[in-house]
Amino acid sequence: MSFQASASKAVDALFAKFGRAAHLVFRDNTEADATVIHRFPDRIVDVMDTRVHTGTDLFELRLSEVDPAKAVYQIIIDGKTYVAQGEPVRDQHGLVLRIEAYAS
C-alpha cells in the first residue's frame, strides 16, 4: 500500500470518529453537505506583553468531499453559522482543507 493510500485511510478514520455533518455555502451561492471536524477556539496567543484569546474556530474538510476550486463562504453546523475568513490551507498531502471561521 502506498503512503498516499495509507494517509487517506487515516484521514477517513479521523473523520469517521470526530467528524460532524455540516452544510456548506460557497461564494458562488451553491451549497453542499460535507463532514467537518470542528476545532474550538482554545488558543491563547502572546502578543508582546499581552495574552490574547482568539475567538477563531478551525474547521477541517476532506478535499475528496468538496470542490477545492470553490471558496467556502459559510459553514452551518446544528443551526449555527460560521463565516469563513482568510484563505483556506491544504495539508502537506493534499487530503484536508483547513478553514478558519468565526461565529456570526
C-alpha atoms as a PDB file:
ATOM      1  CA  MET A   1       0.000   0.000   0.000  1.00  0.00           C
ATOM      2  CA  SER A   2       1.353   3.422  -0.933  1.00  0.00           C
ATOM      3  CA  PHE A   3       1.836   6.228   1.546  1.00  0.00           C
ATOM      4  CA  GLN A   4      -0.949   8.268  -0.082  1.00  0.00           C
ATOM      5  CA  ALA A   5      -3.401   5.375   0.288  1.00  0.00           C
ATOM      6  CA  SER A   6      -2.399   4.867   3.931  1.00  0.00           C
ATOM      7  CA  ALA A   7      -2.726   8.577   4.680  1.00  0.00           C
ATOM      8  CA  SER A   8      -6.136   8.648   3.006  1.00  0.00           C
ATOM      9  CA  LYS A   9      -7.325   5.729   5.163  1.00  0.00           C
ATOM     10  CA  ALA A  10      -6.068   7.509   8.296  1.00  0.00           C
ATOM     11  CA  VAL A  11      -7.907  10.720   7.341  1.00  0.00           C
ATOM     12  CA  ASP A  12     -11.079   8.715   6.659  1.00  0.00           C
ATOM     13  CA  ALA A  13     -10.808   7.109  10.116  1.00  0.00           C
ATOM     14  CA  LEU A  14     -10.364  10.526  11.784  1.00  0.00           C
ATOM     15  CA  PHE A  15     -13.395  11.958  10.021  1.00  0.00           C
ATOM     16  CA  ALA A  16     -15.463   8.863  10.859  1.00  0.00           C
ATOM     17  CA  LYS A  17     -14.599   9.220  14.544  1.00  0.00           C
ATOM     18  CA  PHE A  18     -14.618  13.025  15.050  1.00  0.00           C
ATOM     19  CA  GLY A  19     -16.483  14.388  12.021  1.00  0.00           C
ATOM     20  CA  ARG A  20     -19.835  16.147  12.158  1.00  0.00           C
ATOM     21  CA  ALA A  21     -22.341  16.758   9.400  1.00  0.00           C
ATOM     22  CA  ALA A  22     -22.247  20.314   8.101  1.00  0.00           C
ATOM     23  CA  HIS A  23     -23.876  22.357   5.388  1.00  0.00           C
ATOM     24  CA  LEU A  24     -21.509  24.455   3.269  1.00  0.00           C
ATOM     25  CA  VAL A  25     -22.373  27.603   1.338  1.00  0.00           C
ATOM     26  CA  PHE A  26     -19.860  28.653  -1.301  1.00  0.00           C
ATOM     27  CA  ARG A  27     -19.137  32.177  -2.553  1.00  0.00           C
ATOM     28  CA  ASP A  28     -20.964  31.430  -5.812  1.00  0.00           C
ATOM     29  CA  ASN A  29     -24.135  30.666  -3.731  1.00  0.00           C
ATOM     30  CA  THR A  30     -24.019  26.932  -4.407  1.00  0.00           C
ATOM     31  CA  GLU A  31     -24.431  24.607  -1.452  1.00  0.00           C
ATOM     32  CA  ALA A  32     -23.194  21.172  -0.396  1.00  0.00           C
ATOM     33  CA  ASP A  33     -23.202  18.852   2.581  1.00  0.00           C
ATOM     34  CA  ALA A  34     -19.927  17.564   3.984  1.00  0.00           C
ATOM     35  CA  THR A  35     -18.348  16.078   7.066  1.00  0.00           C
ATOM     36  CA  VAL A  36     -16.166  18.503   9.010  1.00  0.00           C
ATOM     37  CA  ILE A  37     -14.029  18.358  12.109  1.00  0.00           C
ATOM     38  CA  HIS A  38     -14.757  21.422  14.229  1.00  0.00           C
ATOM     39  CA  ARG A  39     -11.863  22.552  16.390  1.00  0.00           C
ATOM     40  CA  PHE A  40     -12.953  25.034  19.024  1.00  0.00           C
ATOM     41  CA  PRO A  41     -11.082  28.244  19.873  1.00  0.00           C
ATOM     42  CA  ASP A  42      -8.978  27.474  22.889  1.00  0.00           C
ATOM     43  CA  ARG A  43      -5.730  29.040  21.885  1.00  0.00           C
ATOM     44  CA  ILE A  44      -4.113  31.861  23.797  1.00  0.00           C
ATOM     45  CA  VAL A  45      -1.650  33.870  21.761  1.00  0.00           C
ATOM     46  CA  ASP A  46       1.128  36.009  23.210  1.00  0.00           C
ATOM     47  CA  VAL A  47       1.336  39.432  21.614  1.00  0.00           C
ATOM     48  CA  MET A  48       4.302  41.278  23.094  1.00  0.00           C
ATOM     49  CA  ASP A  49       3.447  41.534  26.833  1.00  0.00           C
ATOM     50  CA  THR A  50      -0.237  40.714  26.391  1.00  0.00           C
ATOM     51  CA  ARG A  51      -2.008  37.367  26.254  1.00  0.00           C
ATOM     52  CA  VAL A  52      -4.857  37.327  23.743  1.00  0.00           C
ATOM     53  CA  HIS A  53      -7.574  34.678  23.498  1.00  0.00           C
ATOM     54  CA  THR A  54      -8.575  34.071  19.900  1.00  0.00           C
ATOM     55  CA  GLY A  55     -12.227  33.534  19.048  1.00  0.00           C
ATOM     56  CA  THR A  56     -11.500  31.970  15.670  1.00  0.00           C
ATOM     57  CA  ASP A  57     -12.748  28.424  15.102  1.00  0.00           C
ATOM     58  CA  LEU A  58     -10.900  25.990  12.854  1.00  0.00           C
ATOM     59  CA  PHE A  59     -12.684  23.575  10.539  1.00  0.00           C
ATOM     60  CA  GLU A  60     -11.145  20.700   8.636  1.00  0.00           C
ATOM     61  CA  LEU A  61     -12.789  19.326   5.487  1.00  0.00           C
ATOM     62  CA  ARG A  62     -11.788  16.366   3.363  1.00  0.00           C
ATOM     63  CA  LEU A  63     -10.821  17.568  -0.083  1.00  0.00           C
ATOM     64  CA  SER A  64     -12.453  14.442  -1.523  1.00  0.00           C
ATOM     65  CA  GLU A  65     -15.855  15.830  -0.403  1.00  0.00           C
ATOM     66  CA  VAL A  66     -15.582  19.394  -1.724  1.00  0.00           C
ATOM     67  CA  ASP A  67     -14.513  21.089  -4.925  1.00  0.00           C
ATOM     68  CA  PRO A  68     -11.239  22.831  -3.988  1.00  0.00           C
ATOM     69  CA  ALA A  69     -11.797  25.401  -6.741  1.00  0.00           C
ATOM     70  CA  LYS A  70     -14.855  26.763  -4.899  1.00  0.00           C
ATOM     71  CA  ALA A  71     -14.351  29.128  -1.983  1.00  0.00           C
ATOM     72  CA  VAL A  72     -16.305  28.259   1.167  1.00  0.00           C
ATOM     73  CA  TYR A  73     -18.274  31.250   2.477  1.00  0.00           C
ATOM     74  CA  GLN A  74     -20.274  29.747   5.342  1.00  0.00           C
ATOM     75  CA  ILE A  75     -20.271  26.553   7.385  1.00  0.00           C
ATOM     76  CA  ILE A  76     -23.522  25.684   9.151  1.00  0.00           C
ATOM     77  CA  ILE A  77     -23.488  23.121  11.977  1.00  0.00           C
ATOM     78  CA  ASP A  78     -26.522  22.410  14.171  1.00  0.00           C
ATOM     79  CA  GLY A  79     -28.159  25.658  13.058  1.00  0.00           C
ATOM     80  CA  LYS A  80     -25.137  27.811  13.966  1.00  0.00           C
ATOM     81  CA  THR A  81     -23.492  29.722  11.121  1.00  0.00           C
ATOM     82  CA  TYR A  82     -19.751  30.325  10.834  1.00  0.00           C
ATOM     83  CA  VAL A  83     -18.312  32.732   8.257  1.00  0.00           C
ATOM     84  CA  ALA A  84     -15.013  31.752   6.674  1.00  0.00           C
ATOM     85  CA  GLN A  85     -12.146  34.216   6.914  1.00  0.00           C
ATOM     86  CA  GLY A  86      -8.777  34.257   5.231  1.00  0.00           C
ATOM     87  CA  GLU A  87      -7.525  31.744   2.726  1.00  0.00           C
ATOM     88  CA  PRO A  88      -8.080  28.028   3.301  1.00  0.00           C
ATOM     89  CA  VAL A  89      -4.922  25.963   3.722  1.00  0.00           C
ATOM     90  CA  ARG A  90      -4.318  22.460   2.395  1.00  0.00           C
ATOM     91  CA  ASP A  91      -2.347  19.977   4.439  1.00  0.00           C
ATOM     92  CA  GLN A  92       1.005  18.811   3.115  1.00  0.00           C
ATOM     93  CA  HIS A  93      -0.507  15.690   1.499  1.00  0.00           C
ATOM     94  CA  GLY A  94      -3.468  17.436  -0.161  1.00  0.00           C
ATOM     95  CA  LEU A  95      -6.107  15.479   1.760  1.00  0.00           C
ATOM     96  CA  VAL A  96      -7.504  18.031   4.217  1.00  0.00           C
ATOM     97  CA  LEU A  97      -8.535  21.663   3.821  1.00  0.00           C
ATOM     98  CA  ARG A  98      -8.307  23.855   6.948  1.00  0.00           C
ATOM     99  CA  ILE A  99     -10.628  26.844   7.156  1.00  0.00           C
ATOM    100  CA  GLU A 100     -10.680  29.497   9.851  1.00  0.00           C
ATOM    101  CA  ALA A 101     -14.105  30.928  10.639  1.00  0.00           C
ATOM    102  CA  TYR A 102     -15.959  32.984  13.211  1.00  0.00           C
ATOM    103  CA  ALA A 103     -19.489  32.555  14.541  1.00  0.00           C
ATOM    104  CA  SER A 104     -21.935  35.046  13.121  1.00  0.00           C
END
